[in-house]
C-alpha atoms as a PDB file:
ATOM      1  CA  UNK A   1     -29.986   8.666  -3.656  1.00  0.00           C
ATOM      2  CA  UNK A   2     -29.660  12.309  -2.633  1.00  0.00           C
ATOM      3  CA  UNK A   3     -32.055  13.489   0.062  1.00  0.00           C
ATOM      4  CA  UNK A   4     -34.548  16.224  -0.853  1.00  0.00           C
ATOM      5  CA  UNK A   5     -35.235  19.192   1.386  1.00  0.00           C
ATOM      6  CA  UNK A   6     -38.519  17.501   2.382  1.00  0.00           C
ATOM      7  CA  UNK A   7     -36.498  14.497   3.589  1.00  0.00           C
ATOM      8  CA  UNK A   8     -34.278  16.824   5.622  1.00  0.00           C
ATOM      9  CA  UNK A   9     -37.338  18.491   7.135  1.00  0.00           C
ATOM     10  CA  UNK A  10     -38.723  15.137   8.284  1.00  0.00           C
ATOM     11  CA  UNK A  11     -35.378  14.231   9.820  1.00  0.00           C
ATOM     12  CA  UNK A  12     -35.101  17.619  11.510  1.00  0.00           C
ATOM     13  CA  UNK A  13     -38.522  17.218  13.117  1.00  0.00           C
ATOM     14  CA  UNK A  14     -37.226  14.182  14.950  1.00  0.00           C
ATOM     15  CA  UNK A  15     -34.097  16.043  16.052  1.00  0.00           C
ATOM     16  CA  UNK A  16     -36.272  18.734  17.696  1.00  0.00           C
ATOM     17  CA  UNK A  17     -37.319  16.370  20.455  1.00  0.00           C
ATOM     18  CA  UNK A  18     -33.687  15.727  21.273  1.00  0.00           C
ATOM     19  CA  UNK A  19     -32.511  19.339  21.561  1.00  0.00           C
ATOM     20  CA  UNK A  20     -35.714  21.246  22.314  1.00  0.00           C
ATOM     21  CA  UNK A  21     -37.311  24.186  20.541  1.00  0.00           C
ATOM     22  CA  UNK A  22     -35.032  26.986  19.483  1.00  0.00           C
ATOM     23  CA  UNK A  23     -35.525  30.374  21.082  1.00  0.00           C
ATOM     24  CA  UNK A  24     -34.604  33.310  18.879  1.00  0.00           C
ATOM     25  CA  UNK A  25     -32.978  35.505  21.503  1.00  0.00           C
ATOM     26  CA  UNK A  26     -30.101  37.872  20.760  1.00  0.00           C
ATOM     27  CA  UNK A  27     -27.445  35.140  21.047  1.00  0.00           C
ATOM     28  CA  UNK A  28     -29.453  32.865  18.753  1.00  0.00           C
ATOM     29  CA  UNK A  29     -29.888  35.633  16.174  1.00  0.00           C
ATOM     30  CA  UNK A  30     -26.147  36.222  16.188  1.00  0.00           C
ATOM     31  CA  UNK A  31     -25.571  32.493  15.765  1.00  0.00           C
ATOM     32  CA  UNK A  32     -27.931  32.362  12.790  1.00  0.00           C
ATOM     33  CA  UNK A  33     -26.153  35.354  11.250  1.00  0.00           C
ATOM     34  CA  UNK A  34     -22.846  33.560  11.718  1.00  0.00           C
ATOM     35  CA  UNK A  35     -24.264  30.403  10.144  1.00  0.00           C
ATOM     36  CA  UNK A  36     -25.495  32.356   7.112  1.00  0.00           C
ATOM     37  CA  UNK A  37     -22.072  33.973   6.687  1.00  0.00           C
ATOM     38  CA  UNK A  38     -20.369  30.566   6.927  1.00  0.00           C
ATOM     39  CA  UNK A  39     -22.684  29.169   4.272  1.00  0.00           C
ATOM     40  CA  UNK A  40     -21.767  32.020   1.929  1.00  0.00           C
ATOM     41  CA  UNK A  41     -18.018  31.736   2.557  1.00  0.00           C
ATOM     42  CA  UNK A  42     -17.988  27.885   2.562  1.00  0.00           C
ATOM     43  CA  UNK A  43     -15.617  28.061   5.506  1.00  0.00           C
ATOM     44  CA  UNK A  44     -14.888  24.883   7.441  1.00  0.00           C
ATOM     45  CA  UNK A  45     -15.957  24.624  11.077  1.00  0.00           C
ATOM     46  CA  UNK A  46     -15.609  21.966  13.757  1.00  0.00           C
ATOM     47  CA  UNK A  47     -18.592  20.628  15.689  1.00  0.00           C
ATOM     48  CA  UNK A  48     -19.144  17.775  18.109  1.00  0.00           C
ATOM     49  CA  UNK A  49     -21.879  15.196  17.530  1.00  0.00           C
ATOM     50  CA  UNK A  50     -24.222  15.320  20.520  1.00  0.00           C
ATOM     51  CA  UNK A  51     -26.968  12.953  19.429  1.00  0.00           C
ATOM     52  CA  UNK A  52     -28.138  10.326  16.957  1.00  0.00           C
ATOM     53  CA  UNK A  53     -31.499  10.730  15.204  1.00  0.00           C
ATOM     54  CA  UNK A  54     -33.293   9.129  12.300  1.00  0.00           C
ATOM     55  CA  UNK A  55     -31.325   9.703   9.124  1.00  0.00           C
ATOM     56  CA  UNK A  56     -28.279  11.325  10.706  1.00  0.00           C
ATOM     57  CA  UNK A  57     -26.789  13.066  13.711  1.00  0.00           C
ATOM     58  CA  UNK A  58     -27.213  16.376  15.527  1.00  0.00           C
ATOM     59  CA  UNK A  59     -24.643  18.815  16.863  1.00  0.00           C
ATOM     60  CA  UNK A  60     -24.699  22.089  18.730  1.00  0.00           C
ATOM     61  CA  UNK A  61     -23.697  25.211  16.802  1.00  0.00           C
ATOM     62  CA  UNK A  62     -23.452  28.180  19.161  1.00  0.00           C
ATOM     63  CA  UNK A  63     -26.664  27.068  20.859  1.00  0.00           C
ATOM     64  CA  UNK A  64     -28.486  26.224  17.621  1.00  0.00           C
ATOM     65  CA  UNK A  65     -29.556  22.692  16.783  1.00  0.00           C
ATOM     66  CA  UNK A  66     -27.640  21.551  13.688  1.00  0.00           C
ATOM     67  CA  UNK A  67     -28.452  18.454  11.673  1.00  0.00           C
ATOM     68  CA  UNK A  68     -25.952  16.379   9.644  1.00  0.00           C
ATOM     69  CA  UNK A  69     -27.604  13.793   7.342  1.00  0.00           C
ATOM     70  CA  UNK A  70     -26.002  10.339   7.302  1.00  0.00           C
ATOM     71  CA  UNK A  71     -25.308  10.748   3.592  1.00  0.00           C
ATOM     72  CA  UNK A  72     -23.120  13.766   4.383  1.00  0.00           C
ATOM     73  CA  UNK A  73     -21.065  12.230   7.155  1.00  0.00           C
ATOM     74  CA  UNK A  74     -18.772  10.306   4.842  1.00  0.00           C
ATOM     75  CA  UNK A  75     -17.999   9.489   1.211  1.00  0.00           C
ATOM     76  CA  UNK A  76     -19.100   5.935   1.951  1.00  0.00           C
ATOM     77  CA  UNK A  77     -22.576   4.671   2.805  1.00  0.00           C
ATOM     78  CA  UNK A  78     -23.340   4.985   6.517  1.00  0.00           C
ATOM     79  CA  UNK A  79     -25.914   2.568   7.901  1.00  0.00           C
ATOM     80  CA  UNK A  80     -25.133   3.095  11.599  1.00  0.00           C
ATOM     81  CA  UNK A  81     -24.474   6.593  12.903  1.00  0.00           C
ATOM     82  CA  UNK A  82     -23.764   5.551  16.497  1.00  0.00           C
ATOM     83  CA  UNK A  83     -19.956   5.428  16.055  1.00  0.00           C
ATOM     84  CA  UNK A  84     -20.059   9.190  15.350  1.00  0.00           C
ATOM     85  CA  UNK A  85     -21.553  10.043  18.753  1.00  0.00           C
ATOM     86  CA  UNK A  86     -19.196  12.317  20.691  1.00  0.00           C
ATOM     87  CA  UNK A  87     -16.831  12.748  17.742  1.00  0.00           C
ATOM     88  CA  UNK A  88     -15.595  16.060  16.394  1.00  0.00           C
ATOM     89  CA  UNK A  89     -16.346  16.617  12.712  1.00  0.00           C
ATOM     90  CA  UNK A  90     -15.073  19.194  10.250  1.00  0.00           C
ATOM     91  CA  UNK A  91     -18.118  20.418   8.335  1.00  0.00           C
ATOM     92  CA  UNK A  92     -19.608  23.234   6.270  1.00  0.00           C
ATOM     93  CA  UNK A  93     -22.968  24.947   6.507  1.00  0.00           C
ATOM     94  CA  UNK A  94     -25.108  23.992   3.507  1.00  0.00           C
ATOM     95  CA  UNK A  95     -28.478  25.305   4.738  1.00  0.00           C
ATOM     96  CA  UNK A  96     -29.211  28.069   7.239  1.00  0.00           C
ATOM     97  CA  UNK A  97     -32.902  29.032   7.376  1.00  0.00           C
ATOM     98  CA  UNK A  98     -33.820  30.924  10.539  1.00  0.00           C
ATOM     99  CA  UNK A  99     -37.524  31.064   9.667  1.00  0.00           C
ATOM    100  CA  UNK A 100     -37.760  27.294   9.240  1.00  0.00           C
ATOM    101  CA  UNK A 101     -35.320  26.730  12.113  1.00  0.00           C
ATOM    102  CA  UNK A 102     -33.167  24.569   9.822  1.00  0.00           C
ATOM    103  CA  UNK A 103     -29.410  24.417  10.100  1.00  0.00           C
ATOM    104  CA  UNK A 104     -27.890  21.641   8.024  1.00  0.00           C
ATOM    105  CA  UNK A 105     -24.188  20.778   7.977  1.00  0.00           C
ATOM    106  CA  UNK A 106     -22.094  18.518   5.761  1.00  0.00           C
ATOM    107  CA  UNK A 107     -18.655  16.880   5.907  1.00  0.00           C
ATOM    108  CA  UNK A 108     -18.863  15.228   2.487  1.00  0.00           C
ATOM    109  CA  UNK A 109     -17.644  18.161   0.387  1.00  0.00           C
ATOM    110  CA  UNK A 110     -14.556  18.558   2.559  1.00  0.00           C
ATOM    111  CA  UNK A 111     -13.783  14.844   2.426  1.00  0.00           C
ATOM    112  CA  UNK A 112     -14.160  14.836  -1.356  1.00  0.00           C
ATOM    113  CA  UNK A 113     -11.770  17.776  -1.722  1.00  0.00           C
ATOM    114  CA  UNK A 114      -9.237  16.060   0.525  1.00  0.00           C
ATOM    115  CA  UNK A 115      -9.570  12.903  -1.550  1.00  0.00           C
ATOM    116  CA  UNK A 116      -8.979  14.831  -4.780  1.00  0.00           C
ATOM    117  CA  UNK A 117      -5.964  16.637  -3.343  1.00  0.00           C
ATOM    118  CA  UNK A 118      -4.484  13.333  -2.213  1.00  0.00           C
ATOM    119  CA  UNK A 119      -5.096  11.857  -5.643  1.00  0.00           C
ATOM    120  CA  UNK A 120      -3.380  14.804  -7.372  1.00  0.00           C
ATOM    121  CA  UNK A 121      -0.341  14.430  -5.116  1.00  0.00           C
ATOM    122  CA  UNK A 122      -0.062  10.705  -5.816  1.00  0.00           C
ATOM    123  CA  UNK A 123      -0.562  11.291  -9.538  1.00  0.00           C
ATOM    124  CA  UNK A 124       2.282  13.819  -9.586  1.00  0.00           C
ATOM    125  CA  UNK A 125       4.606  11.076  -8.343  1.00  0.00           C
ATOM    126  CA  UNK A 126       3.758   8.686 -11.190  1.00  0.00           C
ATOM    127  CA  UNK A 127       6.269   8.679 -14.049  1.00  0.00           C
ATOM    128  CA  UNK A 128       6.051   7.483 -17.654  1.00  0.00           C
ATOM    129  CA  UNK A 129       7.790   4.134 -17.945  1.00  0.00           C
ATOM    130  CA  UNK A 130       6.907   3.136 -14.381  1.00  0.00           C
ATOM    131  CA  UNK A 131       5.653  -0.441 -13.947  1.00  0.00           C
ATOM    132  CA  UNK A 132       2.777  -1.324 -11.594  1.00  0.00           C
ATOM    133  CA  UNK A 133       1.121  -4.508 -10.443  1.00  0.00           C
ATOM    134  CA  UNK A 134      -2.614  -3.825 -10.524  1.00  0.00           C
ATOM    135  CA  UNK A 135      -6.024  -5.444 -10.623  1.00  0.00           C
ATOM    136  CA  UNK A 136      -8.558  -5.274 -13.449  1.00  0.00           C
ATOM    137  CA  UNK A 137     -11.410  -3.222 -11.954  1.00  0.00           C
ATOM    138  CA  UNK A 138     -13.767  -2.705 -14.898  1.00  0.00           C
ATOM    139  CA  UNK A 139     -13.873  -3.940 -18.482  1.00  0.00           C
ATOM    140  CA  UNK A 140     -15.334  -1.780 -21.245  1.00  0.00           C
ATOM    141  CA  UNK A 141     -15.568  -2.277 -25.012  1.00  0.00           C
ATOM    142  CA  UNK A 142     -12.648   0.104 -25.531  1.00  0.00           C
ATOM    143  CA  UNK A 143     -10.342  -1.177 -22.806  1.00  0.00           C
ATOM    144  CA  UNK A 144      -9.944  -2.072 -19.151  1.00  0.00           C
ATOM    145  CA  UNK A 145      -9.577   0.138 -16.077  1.00  0.00           C
ATOM    146  CA  UNK A 146      -6.821  -1.041 -13.765  1.00  0.00           C
ATOM    147  CA  UNK A 147      -6.809  -0.369 -10.029  1.00  0.00           C
ATOM    148  CA  UNK A 148      -3.209   0.552  -9.232  1.00  0.00           C
ATOM    149  CA  UNK A 149      -3.843   0.864  -5.501  1.00  0.00           C
ATOM    150  CA  UNK A 150      -3.403   3.889  -3.268  1.00  0.00           C
ATOM    151  CA  UNK A 151      -6.398   5.574  -4.915  1.00  0.00           C
ATOM    152  CA  UNK A 152      -4.912   5.504  -8.416  1.00  0.00           C
ATOM    153  CA  UNK A 153      -6.297   3.876 -11.556  1.00  0.00           C
ATOM    154  CA  UNK A 154      -5.516   3.888 -15.258  1.00  0.00           C
ATOM    155  CA  UNK A 155      -6.836   2.693 -18.586  1.00  0.00           C
ATOM    156  CA  UNK A 156      -5.378  -0.020 -20.777  1.00  0.00           C
ATOM    157  CA  UNK A 157      -6.792   0.624 -24.245  1.00  0.00           C
ATOM    158  CA  UNK A 158      -7.804  -2.508 -26.136  1.00  0.00           C
ATOM    159  CA  UNK A 159      -4.899  -1.897 -28.529  1.00  0.00           C
ATOM    160  CA  UNK A 160      -2.444  -2.042 -25.615  1.00  0.00           C
ATOM    161  CA  UNK A 161      -3.541  -5.379 -24.188  1.00  0.00           C
ATOM    162  CA  UNK A 162      -1.905  -7.821 -26.593  1.00  0.00           C
ATOM    163  CA  UNK A 163       0.430  -7.869 -29.582  1.00  0.00           C
ATOM    164  CA  UNK A 164      -2.321  -9.793 -31.347  1.00  0.00           C
ATOM    165  CA  UNK A 165      -5.403  -7.914 -32.482  1.00  0.00           C
ATOM    166  CA  UNK A 166      -8.394  -8.617 -30.200  1.00  0.00           C
ATOM    167  CA  UNK A 167     -11.996  -7.501 -30.633  1.00  0.00           C
ATOM    168  CA  UNK A 168     -12.820  -7.114 -26.953  1.00  0.00           C
ATOM    169  CA  UNK A 169     -10.721  -6.810 -23.752  1.00  0.00           C
ATOM    170  CA  UNK A 170     -12.780  -9.622 -22.193  1.00  0.00           C
ATOM    171  CA  UNK A 171     -11.127 -12.076 -24.557  1.00  0.00           C
ATOM    172  CA  UNK A 172      -7.903 -11.708 -22.585  1.00  0.00           C
ATOM    173  CA  UNK A 173      -8.842 -10.082 -19.279  1.00  0.00           C
ATOM    174  CA  UNK A 174     -11.397 -10.588 -16.542  1.00  0.00           C
ATOM    175  CA  UNK A 175     -12.376  -8.405 -13.582  1.00  0.00           C
ATOM    176  CA  UNK A 176     -10.321  -9.162 -10.480  1.00  0.00           C
ATOM    177  CA  UNK A 177      -7.359 -10.424 -12.513  1.00  0.00           C
ATOM    178  CA  UNK A 178      -3.912  -9.275 -11.437  1.00  0.00           C
ATOM    179  CA  UNK A 179      -1.836  -7.760 -14.231  1.00  0.00           C
ATOM    180  CA  UNK A 180       1.477  -5.984 -14.684  1.00  0.00           C
ATOM    181  CA  UNK A 181       1.171  -2.701 -16.544  1.00  0.00           C
ATOM    182  CA  UNK A 182       3.493   0.025 -17.777  1.00  0.00           C
ATOM    183  CA  UNK A 183       2.684   3.734 -17.738  1.00  0.00           C
ATOM    184  CA  UNK A 184       2.875   5.027 -21.321  1.00  0.00           C
ATOM    185  CA  UNK A 185       1.215   8.427 -20.938  1.00  0.00           C
ATOM    186  CA  UNK A 186      -0.189  10.858 -18.366  1.00  0.00           C
ATOM    187  CA  UNK A 187      -2.523  13.549 -19.649  1.00  0.00           C
ATOM    188  CA  UNK A 188      -5.208  15.704 -18.027  1.00  0.00           C
ATOM    189  CA  UNK A 189      -4.939  13.712 -14.823  1.00  0.00           C
ATOM    190  CA  UNK A 190      -5.493  10.397 -16.615  1.00  0.00           C
ATOM    191  CA  UNK A 191      -3.023   7.520 -16.724  1.00  0.00           C
ATOM    192  CA  UNK A 192      -2.650   5.456 -19.909  1.00  0.00           C
ATOM    193  CA  UNK A 193      -1.294   1.965 -19.385  1.00  0.00           C
ATOM    194  CA  UNK A 194       0.026  -0.878 -21.501  1.00  0.00           C
ATOM    195  CA  UNK A 195       0.196  -4.598 -20.889  1.00  0.00           C
ATOM    196  CA  UNK A 196       1.732  -5.552 -24.224  1.00  0.00           C
ATOM    197  CA  UNK A 197       4.709  -3.236 -23.600  1.00  0.00           C
ATOM    198  CA  UNK A 198       5.830  -5.781 -20.998  1.00  0.00           C
ATOM    199  CA  UNK A 199       5.257  -8.802 -23.261  1.00  0.00           C
ATOM    200  CA  UNK A 200       7.596 -10.256 -25.857  1.00  0.00           C
ATOM    201  CA  UNK A 201       6.418  -9.768 -29.426  1.00  0.00           C
ATOM    202  CA  UNK A 202       6.212 -13.190 -31.132  1.00  0.00           C
ATOM    203  CA  UNK A 203       6.472 -11.495 -34.529  1.00  0.00           C
ATOM    204  CA  UNK A 204       9.958 -10.308 -33.710  1.00  0.00           C
ATOM    205  CA  UNK A 205      12.157 -13.431 -33.442  1.00  0.00           C
ATOM    206  CA  UNK A 206      15.200 -13.169 -31.297  1.00  0.00           C
ATOM    207  CA  UNK A 207      18.413 -12.623 -33.218  1.00  0.00           C
ATOM    208  CA  UNK A 208      21.002 -15.072 -31.951  1.00  0.00           C
ATOM    209  CA  UNK A 209      24.643 -14.295 -32.259  1.00  0.00           C
ATOM    210  CA  UNK A 210      26.385 -16.804 -34.530  1.00  0.00           C
ATOM    211  CA  UNK A 211      29.571 -18.312 -33.270  1.00  0.00           C
ATOM    212  CA  UNK A 212      32.330 -17.076 -35.494  1.00  0.00           C
ATOM    213  CA  UNK A 213      35.523 -19.154 -35.690  1.00  0.00           C
ATOM    214  CA  UNK A 214      38.635 -17.252 -36.624  1.00  0.00           C
ATOM    215  CA  UNK A 215      41.284 -19.462 -38.279  1.00  0.00           C
ATOM    216  CA  UNK A 216      44.823 -19.540 -37.051  1.00  0.00           C
ATOM    217  CA  UNK A 217      47.191 -17.067 -38.658  1.00  0.00           C
ATOM    218  CA  UNK A 218      49.020 -19.913 -40.415  1.00  0.00           C
ATOM    219  CA  UNK A 219      45.858 -21.067 -42.113  1.00  0.00           C
ATOM    220  CA  UNK A 220      45.075 -17.685 -43.594  1.00  0.00           C
ATOM    221  CA  UNK A 221      48.624 -16.890 -44.632  1.00  0.00           C
ATOM    222  CA  UNK A 222      49.444 -17.241 -48.342  1.00  0.00           C
ATOM    223  CA  UNK A 223      52.661 -17.187 -50.274  1.00  0.00           C
ATOM    224  CA  UNK A 224      53.383 -15.905 -53.731  1.00  0.00           C
ATOM    225  CA  UNK A 225      53.813 -19.507 -54.822  1.00  0.00           C
ATOM    226  CA  UNK A 226      50.323 -20.386 -53.629  1.00  0.00           C
ATOM    227  CA  UNK A 227      48.838 -17.452 -55.554  1.00  0.00           C
ATOM    228  CA  UNK A 228      50.679 -18.360 -58.792  1.00  0.00           C
ATOM    229  CA  UNK A 229      49.949 -22.061 -58.530  1.00  0.00           C
ATOM    230  CA  UNK A 230      47.733 -23.192 -61.402  1.00  0.00           C
ATOM    231  CA  UNK A 231      48.681 -20.254 -63.624  1.00  0.00           C
ATOM    232  CA  UNK A 232      50.838 -20.782 -66.730  1.00  0.00           C
ATOM    233  CA  UNK A 233      52.727 -18.105 -68.484  1.00  0.00           C
ATOM    234  CA  UNK A 234      52.797 -18.153 -72.279  1.00  0.00           C
END
């Protein structure tokens, strides 16, 4: 659940005791101006975590106390912030309120952008016709999402699961099942997969080559006498 500004205020109150009350001298005013400009430009900055407080961590930003909520430290859930103590983090300013003495930073947006860029790069390397070994991640009425690993996933439409007509993907597949899939389309950043493209179609019997025996040349040779045999001339 996303924190509200009231939640941030409660967390900030606890961080005050760790870093002391802010004094709005000339240097502090310049720091607040810088923070406001960074918020507007969404520019990345690097800070060092100097303390752990309820609901997140604190860092020093040009002499100003800055708060980073636990929910904005990572794309994953963080239950223990202690491993972040002393670490440098790349963050952005998401709130800079000099009157309320609130400076809030976040690393999550940057991490999400990096994740998306990595995904786009990996997707650009996937080719139609490529075969993957994946795991069924989620089953829906219309098909199954396959985890291809390395941050990639694709959809096997229900019509691409089996050569036989099935009403629901769950008839054939189950979550966690390993499957081989073939890439049949890539559109708008989405990968379409097929399982049946790798399966033999029972409705198409194999055509076996018949063994053809060619007779010896003597056996197929005929003479004029053989052709006229049985005919009578009147």
